[in-house]
Protein backbone atom coordinates (compact mmCIF):
# COMPACT_ATOMS: atom_id res chain seq x y z
CA MET A 1 16.44 9.49 -12.50
CA GLU A 2 12.73 9.77 -11.75
CA ASP A 3 10.79 7.83 -9.15
CA TYR A 4 7.01 7.80 -8.84
CA ARG A 5 4.16 6.55 -6.66
CA ILE A 6 0.57 5.92 -7.58
CA ALA A 7 -1.70 6.86 -4.68
CA GLN A 8 -4.92 8.60 -3.78
CA CYS A 9 -3.83 12.07 -2.60
CA TRP A 10 -7.40 13.29 -2.33
CA ASN A 11 -10.27 11.19 -1.04
CA ASP A 12 -12.13 11.34 -4.35
CA HIS A 13 -11.61 7.68 -5.32
CA LYS A 14 -9.45 8.67 -8.31
CA THR A 15 -5.87 7.54 -8.82
CA ASP A 16 -3.26 10.28 -8.47
CA LEU A 17 0.45 10.31 -9.27
CA ALA A 18 3.48 11.69 -7.39
CA VAL A 19 6.76 11.96 -9.34
CA ALA A 20 10.17 12.69 -7.77
CA GLU A 21 12.78 14.72 -9.66
CA PHE A 22 10.10 16.15 -11.92
CA GLU A 23 11.99 18.21 -14.51
CA GLY A 24 14.71 18.78 -11.90
CA MET A 25 12.37 20.88 -9.76
CA GLY A 26 11.22 18.55 -6.97
CA VAL A 27 8.14 16.40 -6.58
CA ALA A 28 5.10 16.78 -8.80
CA VAL A 29 1.57 15.76 -7.87
CA LEU A 30 -0.79 15.02 -10.74
CA LEU A 31 -4.39 14.57 -9.62
CA GLY A 32 -6.32 11.98 -11.58
CA ASN A 33 -9.43 12.81 -13.56
CA GLY A 34 -10.83 9.30 -13.18
CA ASP A 35 -10.61 8.50 -16.89
CA GLY A 36 -6.90 7.64 -17.14
CA THR A 37 -5.81 11.25 -17.61
CA PHE A 38 -4.33 13.69 -15.10
CA GLU A 39 -4.57 17.40 -14.31
CA GLN A 40 -1.53 19.62 -14.81
CA PRO A 41 1.23 18.89 -12.26
CA VAL A 42 1.60 20.90 -9.08
CA VAL A 43 5.31 20.97 -8.18
CA TYR A 44 6.58 21.02 -4.60
CA LYS A 45 10.19 22.15 -4.52
CA VAL A 46 12.75 19.72 -3.13
CA SER A 47 16.42 20.04 -4.07
CA SER A 48 17.89 16.85 -5.57
CA ALA A 49 14.73 14.73 -5.11
CA ILE A 50 15.63 11.07 -5.65
CA ALA A 51 12.60 9.03 -4.54
CA VAL A 52 9.09 9.50 -3.15
CA ALA A 53 6.80 7.45 -0.90
CA ALA A 54 3.15 8.03 -0.01
CA ALA A 55 1.62 7.04 3.34
CA ASP A 56 -0.36 8.44 6.25
CA LEU A 57 2.67 9.40 8.34
CA SER A 58 0.81 11.59 10.84
CA ASN A 59 -2.01 9.09 11.56
CA SER A 60 -4.54 11.71 10.45
CA GLY A 61 -6.28 9.57 7.83
CA ILE A 62 -4.78 11.83 5.15
CA LEU A 63 -2.03 10.77 2.78
CA ASP A 64 1.36 12.44 3.20
CA LEU A 65 4.41 12.41 0.92
CA VAL A 66 8.00 11.84 1.97
CA VAL A 67 10.84 12.56 -0.44
CA ALA A 68 14.41 11.29 -0.26
CA SER A 69 16.88 13.89 -1.42
CA ASP A 70 20.61 14.30 -1.51
CA TYR A 71 20.56 17.93 -0.42
CA PRO A 72 21.29 19.20 2.12
CA SER A 73 23.66 16.36 3.01
CA GLY A 74 20.97 13.71 2.63
CA SER A 75 17.50 14.36 3.96
CA ALA A 76 13.93 13.13 4.09
CA THR A 77 11.41 15.86 3.32
CA LEU A 78 7.88 15.40 4.65
CA PHE A 79 4.88 17.04 3.00
CA LYS A 80 1.79 16.57 5.21
CA GLY A 81 -1.36 16.21 3.17
CA ASN A 82 -4.30 18.60 3.49
CA GLY A 83 -6.81 15.98 2.34
CA ASN A 84 -7.68 17.81 -0.88
CA GLY A 85 -4.73 16.85 -3.08
CA THR A 86 -2.50 19.65 -1.78
CA PHE A 87 0.31 19.53 0.77
CA GLN A 88 1.65 21.73 3.57
CA GLU A 89 5.06 23.41 3.71
CA PRO A 90 7.86 20.84 3.90
CA GLN A 91 9.51 19.60 7.07
CA VAL A 92 13.11 18.47 6.46
CA TYR A 93 14.75 15.71 8.53
CA PRO A 94 18.45 14.87 8.22
CA SER A 95 19.21 11.29 7.23
CA GLY A 96 21.84 9.25 5.41
CA GLN A 97 23.68 10.60 2.40
CA PHE A 98 23.47 9.31 -1.18
CA PRO A 99 19.90 7.93 -1.11
CA PHE A 100 18.45 5.95 -3.97
CA GLY A 101 15.19 4.67 -2.52
CA ILE A 102 12.64 5.31 0.23
CA ALA A 103 9.92 3.21 1.87
CA VAL A 104 7.37 3.55 4.67
CA ALA A 105 6.24 0.70 6.93
CA ASP A 106 6.07 -0.25 10.62
CA PHE A 107 9.64 -1.54 10.88
CA ASN A 108 9.92 -1.61 14.68
CA GLY A 109 6.49 -3.04 15.60
CA ASP A 110 5.17 0.03 17.46
CA HIS A 111 2.14 0.36 15.13
CA LEU A 112 3.41 3.72 13.82
CA PRO A 113 4.82 4.35 10.34
CA ASP A 114 8.61 4.49 10.02
CA ILE A 115 10.64 5.83 7.10
CA THR A 116 13.65 4.09 5.67
CA LYS A 117 15.95 5.29 2.92
CA ARG A 118 18.23 3.05 0.93
CA CYS A 119 21.61 4.79 0.85
CA ARG A 120 25.04 4.16 -0.55
CA THR A 121 28.33 5.59 0.61
CA SER A 122 31.63 5.78 -1.18
CA THR A 123 33.18 3.19 1.17
CA ALA A 124 30.38 0.71 1.79
CA ALA A 125 27.74 -1.35 0.06
CA PRO A 126 24.16 -0.02 -0.01
CA ARG A 127 22.61 0.08 3.45
CA MET A 128 19.39 1.08 5.15
CA CYS A 129 19.39 4.37 7.04
CA CYS A 130 16.29 5.14 9.05
CA SER A 131 14.55 8.17 10.43
CA THR A 132 11.09 8.61 11.86
CA PRO A 133 9.44 12.05 11.89
CA GLY A 134 7.69 13.02 15.11
């Protein structure tokens, strides 16, 4: 299963693409050329990537990526953006197991972005499991 987000990873006013579970290797970032085509993908390794979200999670004015994965034991992996279409080394945060979606918004009204993953367990219906990177 692949998940993708269309975003502007580099402040060049061109549409870029981030794809989770890209050929089973992690998350791929394809920078847009501005004419409907994309450069070759740059893959950031994440084991068992399920879903990806794009937002400014560090309040730096630069887009970051967060990836829901099922390994190790359910995690959210944060890739802080460098502002040029590339991303820093990942920071991994434990979260709920068996994710199948991820979203970023201000869920608790503190004017800071929060991350939520949609998870399912073997004994319960799908539920929201939240984590917020510091």
